[in-house]
Amino acid sequence: MTTLLDRIAGAFYVAPGADRKRPAARRRVAVAPAVAVLAPAADVDAAGGALAAALARECRAAAAVVCTWTAGAARPRAPQAPATGAAHRLAAALARRGHAARASRHLVLVALAAEEDAAIAEAARVAAACGSVPVVLAIGGPRGRPVDDALRMHDLVVIAGDPAVAELAGVSVARLGVRVSRYEPPASPLSRLLAAAGVATGTAARAAVRRAVSG
């Protein structure tokens, strides 16, 4: 699977100096906005990966971190693609601090503790250790008070998944006093793998996080 993702990544990545018209340069964001995503456990890896990669792109950051919590729900291990040096170094630094961190493309994937209180406390430690690196909190488990308290500290909460369910969740989250955006993860299995690995973002993910970056 890693070899396949490596080959596909090459189709999305253009090395510096390649003969392709470059888009207008975006200003680097000094302080990355705090973004969280709520998604079903089956969608949380794809949603978290796509949104974190989009946030890194919008902030012009060399790497981004996804802290994922699913309340211990069993799910397939998120795929990995060959990682950049920045992501490797950050993953290693977080691993030395005791976090379950893996590098994939420009992302660092952190699996949070199963218990809600411990997971939210760990996510806060990860964010503190990352400094100005964008961090996305990906929630794929039932929301309790610790999760809601954490969401209140974010600049934007993205609701992912089935539109009908997302609409109800959006109303609930909006009552916390935070801005809410919508995102529907890709449907095809390959697109979901690429999103989870941070290889491809898509316009929908970039649009979902742009509100947070633009203020």
C-alpha atoms as a PDB file:
ATOM      1  CA  MET A   1       0.000   0.000   0.000  1.00  0.00           C
ATOM      2  CA  THR A   2       2.853   2.400   0.815  1.00  0.00           C
ATOM      3  CA  THR A   3       4.381   1.852  -2.635  1.00  0.00           C
ATOM      4  CA  LEU A   4       1.047   2.599  -4.277  1.00  0.00           C
ATOM      5  CA  LEU A   5       0.623   5.766  -2.226  1.00  0.00           C
ATOM      6  CA  ASP A   6       4.200   6.767  -3.083  1.00  0.00           C
ATOM      7  CA  ARG A   7       3.470   6.494  -6.805  1.00  0.00           C
ATOM      8  CA  ILE A   8       0.203   8.372  -6.523  1.00  0.00           C
ATOM      9  CA  ALA A   9       1.831  11.061  -4.389  1.00  0.00           C
ATOM     10  CA  GLY A  10       4.230  11.712  -7.233  1.00  0.00           C
ATOM     11  CA  ALA A  11       1.288  12.618  -9.435  1.00  0.00           C
ATOM     12  CA  PHE A  12       0.164  15.273  -6.952  1.00  0.00           C
ATOM     13  CA  TYR A  13       3.587  16.695  -6.084  1.00  0.00           C
ATOM     14  CA  VAL A  14       5.561  18.959  -8.409  1.00  0.00           C
ATOM     15  CA  ALA A  15       9.194  19.441  -7.489  1.00  0.00           C
ATOM     16  CA  PRO A  16      10.561  22.991  -7.257  1.00  0.00           C
ATOM     17  CA  GLY A  17      11.566  24.230 -10.681  1.00  0.00           C
ATOM     18  CA  ALA A  18       9.138  21.988 -12.538  1.00  0.00           C
ATOM     19  CA  ASP A  19       7.683  23.472 -15.681  1.00  0.00           C
ATOM     20  CA  ARG A  20       4.266  24.425 -14.386  1.00  0.00           C
ATOM     21  CA  LYS A  21       2.655  27.813 -13.943  1.00  0.00           C
ATOM     22  CA  ARG A  22       2.757  28.697 -10.271  1.00  0.00           C
ATOM     23  CA  PRO A  23      -0.282  30.166  -8.500  1.00  0.00           C
ATOM     24  CA  ALA A  24      -0.042  33.538  -6.822  1.00  0.00           C
ATOM     25  CA  ALA A  25       1.890  33.293  -3.564  1.00  0.00           C
ATOM     26  CA  ARG A  26      -0.145  33.206  -0.386  1.00  0.00           C
ATOM     27  CA  ARG A  27       0.997  35.018   2.727  1.00  0.00           C
ATOM     28  CA  ARG A  28       2.275  32.738   5.467  1.00  0.00           C
ATOM     29  CA  VAL A  29      -0.047  32.679   8.494  1.00  0.00           C
ATOM     30  CA  ALA A  30       1.912  33.564  11.655  1.00  0.00           C
ATOM     31  CA  VAL A  31      -0.461  31.780  14.031  1.00  0.00           C
ATOM     32  CA  ALA A  32      -2.429  28.862  12.638  1.00  0.00           C
ATOM     33  CA  PRO A  33      -6.114  28.825  13.568  1.00  0.00           C
ATOM     34  CA  ALA A  34      -7.357  26.058  15.843  1.00  0.00           C
ATOM     35  CA  VAL A  35      -9.561  23.717  13.814  1.00  0.00           C
ATOM     36  CA  ALA A  36     -11.514  20.666  14.971  1.00  0.00           C
ATOM     37  CA  VAL A  37     -13.554  18.180  12.975  1.00  0.00           C
ATOM     38  CA  LEU A  38     -16.450  16.003  14.104  1.00  0.00           C
ATOM     39  CA  ALA A  39     -17.035  12.876  12.039  1.00  0.00           C
ATOM     40  CA  PRO A  40     -18.246   9.292  12.373  1.00  0.00           C
ATOM     41  CA  ALA A  41     -15.431   6.900  13.279  1.00  0.00           C
ATOM     42  CA  ALA A  42     -15.522   5.483   9.745  1.00  0.00           C
ATOM     43  CA  ASP A  43     -14.913   8.948   8.267  1.00  0.00           C
ATOM     44  CA  VAL A  44     -12.631  10.537  10.847  1.00  0.00           C
ATOM     45  CA  ASP A  45      -9.298   9.530   9.303  1.00  0.00           C
ATOM     46  CA  ALA A  46     -10.212  10.763   5.818  1.00  0.00           C
ATOM     47  CA  ALA A  47     -11.779  13.954   7.162  1.00  0.00           C
ATOM     48  CA  GLY A  48      -8.959  14.718   9.582  1.00  0.00           C
ATOM     49  CA  GLY A  49      -6.254  14.056   7.017  1.00  0.00           C
ATOM     50  CA  ALA A  50      -7.853  16.096   4.262  1.00  0.00           C
ATOM     51  CA  LEU A  51      -8.615  19.055   6.517  1.00  0.00           C
ATOM     52  CA  ALA A  52      -5.169  19.078   8.143  1.00  0.00           C
ATOM     53  CA  ALA A  53      -3.464  18.950   4.743  1.00  0.00           C
ATOM     54  CA  ALA A  54      -5.732  21.754   3.525  1.00  0.00           C
ATOM     55  CA  LEU A  55      -4.967  23.817   6.636  1.00  0.00           C
ATOM     56  CA  ALA A  56      -1.216  23.359   6.112  1.00  0.00           C
ATOM     57  CA  ARG A  57      -1.623  24.497   2.518  1.00  0.00           C
ATOM     58  CA  GLU A  58      -3.692  27.548   3.435  1.00  0.00           C
ATOM     59  CA  CYS A  59      -1.240  28.512   6.203  1.00  0.00           C
ATOM     60  CA  ARG A  60       1.793  27.712   4.030  1.00  0.00           C
ATOM     61  CA  ALA A  61       3.073  25.440   6.794  1.00  0.00           C
ATOM     62  CA  ALA A  62       5.655  22.692   6.217  1.00  0.00           C
ATOM     63  CA  ALA A  63       3.627  20.206   8.273  1.00  0.00           C
ATOM     64  CA  ALA A  64       0.371  19.773  10.139  1.00  0.00           C
ATOM     65  CA  VAL A  65      -0.786  17.471  12.926  1.00  0.00           C
ATOM     66  CA  VAL A  66      -3.993  15.435  13.233  1.00  0.00           C
ATOM     67  CA  CYS A  67      -4.941  14.354  16.757  1.00  0.00           C
ATOM     68  CA  THR A  68      -7.598  11.656  16.382  1.00  0.00           C
ATOM     69  CA  TRP A  69      -9.937  10.330  19.045  1.00  0.00           C
ATOM     70  CA  THR A  70     -12.491   7.557  18.510  1.00  0.00           C
ATOM     71  CA  ALA A  71     -13.192   6.524  22.111  1.00  0.00           C
ATOM     72  CA  GLY A  72     -11.294   3.294  21.495  1.00  0.00           C
ATOM     73  CA  ALA A  73     -13.525   2.195  18.605  1.00  0.00           C
ATOM     74  CA  ALA A  74     -11.840  -0.426  16.436  1.00  0.00           C
ATOM     75  CA  ARG A  75     -11.041   0.769  12.919  1.00  0.00           C
ATOM     76  CA  PRO A  76      -8.434   0.012  10.250  1.00  0.00           C
ATOM     77  CA  ARG A  77      -5.039   1.615  10.765  1.00  0.00           C
ATOM     78  CA  ALA A  78      -4.848   4.883   8.849  1.00  0.00           C
ATOM     79  CA  PRO A  79      -2.623   4.546   5.755  1.00  0.00           C
ATOM     80  CA  GLN A  80       0.783   6.188   5.501  1.00  0.00           C
ATOM     81  CA  ALA A  81       2.537   7.756   2.532  1.00  0.00           C
ATOM     82  CA  PRO A  82       6.243   8.603   2.332  1.00  0.00           C
ATOM     83  CA  ALA A  83       6.693  11.628   4.593  1.00  0.00           C
ATOM     84  CA  THR A  84       8.556  14.889   4.256  1.00  0.00           C
ATOM     85  CA  GLY A  85      11.524  15.683   6.470  1.00  0.00           C
ATOM     86  CA  ALA A  86       9.539  18.230   8.459  1.00  0.00           C
ATOM     87  CA  ALA A  87       6.792  15.716   9.221  1.00  0.00           C
ATOM     88  CA  HIS A  88       9.341  13.018  10.143  1.00  0.00           C
ATOM     89  CA  ARG A  89      11.146  15.316  12.561  1.00  0.00           C
ATOM     90  CA  LEU A  90       7.944  16.485  14.216  1.00  0.00           C
ATOM     91  CA  ALA A  91       6.613  12.923  14.554  1.00  0.00           C
ATOM     92  CA  ALA A  92       9.875  11.835  16.154  1.00  0.00           C
ATOM     93  CA  ALA A  93       9.780  14.762  18.581  1.00  0.00           C
ATOM     94  CA  LEU A  94       6.218  13.938  19.611  1.00  0.00           C
ATOM     95  CA  ALA A  95       7.050  10.236  19.943  1.00  0.00           C
ATOM     96  CA  ARG A  96       9.862  11.135  22.328  1.00  0.00           C
ATOM     97  CA  ARG A  97       7.254  12.895  24.452  1.00  0.00           C
ATOM     98  CA  GLY A  98       5.254   9.674  24.656  1.00  0.00           C
ATOM     99  CA  HIS A  99       2.651  10.278  21.944  1.00  0.00           C
ATOM    100  CA  ALA A 100       1.628   7.667  19.352  1.00  0.00           C
ATOM    101  CA  ALA A 101       2.778   9.732  16.372  1.00  0.00           C
ATOM    102  CA  ARG A 102       3.399   8.653  12.761  1.00  0.00           C
ATOM    103  CA  ALA A 103       4.445  10.753   9.773  1.00  0.00           C
ATOM    104  CA  SER A 104       2.607  10.603   6.441  1.00  0.00           C
ATOM    105  CA  ARG A 105       3.342  13.055   3.619  1.00  0.00           C
ATOM    106  CA  HIS A 106       3.163  16.528   5.237  1.00  0.00           C
ATOM    107  CA  LEU A 107       1.117  15.222   8.184  1.00  0.00           C
ATOM    108  CA  VAL A 108       1.809  13.843  11.629  1.00  0.00           C
ATOM    109  CA  LEU A 109      -0.927  11.439  12.710  1.00  0.00           C
ATOM    110  CA  VAL A 110      -1.407  11.178  16.471  1.00  0.00           C
ATOM    111  CA  ALA A 111      -3.698   8.530  17.974  1.00  0.00           C
ATOM    112  CA  LEU A 112      -5.076   9.904  21.233  1.00  0.00           C
ATOM    113  CA  ALA A 113      -5.838   7.929  24.388  1.00  0.00           C
ATOM    114  CA  ALA A 114      -9.133   6.018  24.408  1.00  0.00           C
ATOM    115  CA  GLU A 115     -10.576   7.732  27.492  1.00  0.00           C
ATOM    116  CA  GLU A 116     -12.150  11.117  26.744  1.00  0.00           C
ATOM    117  CA  ASP A 117     -10.595  13.206  29.517  1.00  0.00           C
ATOM    118  CA  ALA A 118      -7.141  11.755  28.866  1.00  0.00           C
ATOM    119  CA  ALA A 119      -7.511  12.247  25.114  1.00  0.00           C
ATOM    120  CA  ILE A 120      -8.416  15.919  25.387  1.00  0.00           C
ATOM    121  CA  ALA A 121      -5.585  16.553  27.841  1.00  0.00           C
ATOM    122  CA  GLU A 122      -3.172  14.794  25.481  1.00  0.00           C
ATOM    123  CA  ALA A 123      -4.384  16.833  22.511  1.00  0.00           C
ATOM    124  CA  ALA A 124      -3.671  20.017  24.473  1.00  0.00           C
ATOM    125  CA  ARG A 125      -0.129  18.813  25.213  1.00  0.00           C
ATOM    126  CA  VAL A 126       0.442  17.997  21.551  1.00  0.00           C
ATOM    127  CA  ALA A 127      -0.771  21.437  20.473  1.00  0.00           C
ATOM    128  CA  ALA A 128       1.491  23.117  23.035  1.00  0.00           C
ATOM    129  CA  ALA A 129       4.490  21.097  21.850  1.00  0.00           C
ATOM    130  CA  CYS A 130       3.807  21.930  18.198  1.00  0.00           C
ATOM    131  CA  GLY A 131       3.998  25.698  18.619  1.00  0.00           C
ATOM    132  CA  SER A 132       2.945  27.399  15.368  1.00  0.00           C
ATOM    133  CA  VAL A 133       2.363  24.135  13.461  1.00  0.00           C
ATOM    134  CA  PRO A 134      -1.317  23.716  12.496  1.00  0.00           C
ATOM    135  CA  VAL A 135      -3.103  21.083  14.601  1.00  0.00           C
ATOM    136  CA  VAL A 136      -6.493  19.551  13.801  1.00  0.00           C
ATOM    137  CA  LEU A 137      -8.455  17.800  16.548  1.00  0.00           C
ATOM    138  CA  ALA A 138     -10.413  14.994  14.869  1.00  0.00           C
ATOM    139  CA  ILE A 139     -13.266  13.659  16.999  1.00  0.00           C
ATOM    140  CA  GLY A 140     -14.785  10.346  15.933  1.00  0.00           C
ATOM    141  CA  GLY A 141     -16.439   9.395  19.221  1.00  0.00           C
ATOM    142  CA  PRO A 142     -19.439  10.531  21.286  1.00  0.00           C
ATOM    143  CA  ARG A 143     -19.138  14.079  22.585  1.00  0.00           C
ATOM    144  CA  GLY A 144     -19.021  14.547  26.323  1.00  0.00           C
ATOM    145  CA  ARG A 145     -18.257  17.632  28.361  1.00  0.00           C
ATOM    146  CA  PRO A 146     -14.453  17.387  27.869  1.00  0.00           C
ATOM    147  CA  VAL A 147     -14.861  17.370  24.090  1.00  0.00           C
ATOM    148  CA  ASP A 148     -17.340  20.257  24.128  1.00  0.00           C
ATOM    149  CA  ASP A 149     -15.047  22.280  26.406  1.00  0.00           C
ATOM    150  CA  ALA A 150     -12.220  21.671  23.931  1.00  0.00           C
ATOM    151  CA  LEU A 151     -14.371  22.651  20.941  1.00  0.00           C
ATOM    152  CA  ARG A 152     -15.120  26.020  22.570  1.00  0.00           C
ATOM    153  CA  MET A 153     -11.395  26.801  22.359  1.00  0.00           C
ATOM    154  CA  HIS A 154     -11.279  26.348  18.585  1.00  0.00           C
ATOM    155  CA  ASP A 155     -11.639  28.971  15.884  1.00  0.00           C
ATOM    156  CA  LEU A 156     -13.600  26.627  13.628  1.00  0.00           C
ATOM    157  CA  VAL A 157     -15.366  23.285  13.993  1.00  0.00           C
ATOM    158  CA  VAL A 158     -15.936  21.339  10.789  1.00  0.00           C
ATOM    159  CA  ILE A 159     -18.812  18.852  10.682  1.00  0.00           C
ATOM    160  CA  ALA A 160     -18.136  15.919   8.356  1.00  0.00           C
ATOM    161  CA  GLY A 161     -20.234  12.994   7.204  1.00  0.00           C
ATOM    162  CA  ASP A 162     -23.845  12.438   6.208  1.00  0.00           C
ATOM    163  CA  PRO A 163     -25.457  15.833   5.432  1.00  0.00           C
ATOM    164  CA  ALA A 164     -28.610  15.162   7.480  1.00  0.00           C
ATOM    165  CA  VAL A 165     -26.658  14.126  10.562  1.00  0.00           C
ATOM    166  CA  ALA A 166     -24.134  16.925  10.009  1.00  0.00           C
ATOM    167  CA  GLU A 167     -26.916  19.504  10.007  1.00  0.00           C
ATOM    168  CA  LEU A 168     -28.114  18.400  13.441  1.00  0.00           C
ATOM    169  CA  ALA A 169     -24.562  18.260  14.789  1.00  0.00           C
ATOM    170  CA  GLY A 170     -23.887  21.712  13.368  1.00  0.00           C
ATOM    171  CA  VAL A 171     -26.798  23.215  15.283  1.00  0.00           C
ATOM    172  CA  SER A 172     -25.566  21.624  18.492  1.00  0.00           C
ATOM    173  CA  VAL A 173     -21.978  22.798  17.993  1.00  0.00           C
ATOM    174  CA  ALA A 174     -23.052  26.316  17.059  1.00  0.00           C
ATOM    175  CA  ARG A 175     -24.595  26.614  20.524  1.00  0.00           C
ATOM    176  CA  LEU A 176     -21.063  26.331  21.924  1.00  0.00           C
ATOM    177  CA  GLY A 177     -20.304  29.742  20.445  1.00  0.00           C
ATOM    178  CA  VAL A 178     -17.890  28.608  17.722  1.00  0.00           C
ATOM    179  CA  ARG A 179     -17.965  28.980  13.956  1.00  0.00           C
ATOM    180  CA  VAL A 180     -19.108  25.903  12.072  1.00  0.00           C
ATOM    181  CA  SER A 181     -18.262  24.682   8.579  1.00  0.00           C
ATOM    182  CA  ARG A 182     -19.331  21.593   6.615  1.00  0.00           C
ATOM    183  CA  TYR A 183     -17.285  18.984   4.794  1.00  0.00           C
ATOM    184  CA  GLU A 184     -18.300  15.769   3.073  1.00  0.00           C
ATOM    185  CA  PRO A 185     -15.448  13.232   2.901  1.00  0.00           C
ATOM    186  CA  PRO A 186     -14.733  11.619  -0.476  1.00  0.00           C
ATOM    187  CA  ALA A 187     -16.836   8.613  -1.336  1.00  0.00           C
ATOM    188  CA  SER A 188     -14.416   6.415  -3.275  1.00  0.00           C
ATOM    189  CA  PRO A 189     -12.096   4.104  -1.282  1.00  0.00           C
ATOM    190  CA  LEU A 190      -8.972   5.346  -3.074  1.00  0.00           C
ATOM    191  CA  SER A 191      -9.837   9.002  -2.490  1.00  0.00           C
ATOM    192  CA  ARG A 192     -10.431   8.256   1.187  1.00  0.00           C
ATOM    193  CA  LEU A 193      -7.023   6.567   1.475  1.00  0.00           C
ATOM    194  CA  LEU A 194      -5.323   9.531  -0.180  1.00  0.00           C
ATOM    195  CA  ALA A 195      -7.134  11.968   2.089  1.00  0.00           C
ATOM    196  CA  ALA A 196      -6.294  10.041   5.261  1.00  0.00           C
ATOM    197  CA  ALA A 197      -2.628   9.869   4.241  1.00  0.00           C
ATOM    198  CA  GLY A 198      -2.463  13.594   3.486  1.00  0.00           C
ATOM    199  CA  VAL A 199      -1.677  13.039  -0.191  1.00  0.00           C
ATOM    200  CA  ALA A 200      -4.720  14.832  -1.625  1.00  0.00           C
ATOM    201  CA  THR A 201      -6.994  17.446  -0.107  1.00  0.00           C
ATOM    202  CA  GLY A 202      -9.564  18.480  -2.692  1.00  0.00           C
ATOM    203  CA  THR A 203     -11.352  21.782  -3.084  1.00  0.00           C
ATOM    204  CA  ALA A 204     -14.047  20.873  -0.547  1.00  0.00           C
ATOM    205  CA  ALA A 205     -11.516  20.491   2.287  1.00  0.00           C
ATOM    206  CA  ARG A 206      -9.757  23.727   1.365  1.00  0.00           C
ATOM    207  CA  ALA A 207     -13.068  25.576   1.279  1.00  0.00           C
ATOM    208  CA  ALA A 208     -14.032  24.152   4.667  1.00  0.00           C
ATOM    209  CA  VAL A 209     -10.924  25.503   6.442  1.00  0.00           C
ATOM    210  CA  ARG A 210     -10.597  28.772   4.527  1.00  0.00           C
ATOM    211  CA  ARG A 211     -13.050  30.495   6.875  1.00  0.00           C
ATOM    212  CA  ALA A 212     -10.700  29.910   9.773  1.00  0.00           C
ATOM    213  CA  VAL A 213      -7.620  31.149   7.922  1.00  0.00           C
ATOM    214  CA  SER A 214      -9.269  34.223   6.427  1.00  0.00           C
ATOM    215  CA  GLY A 215     -10.827  35.164   9.757  1.00  0.00           C
END
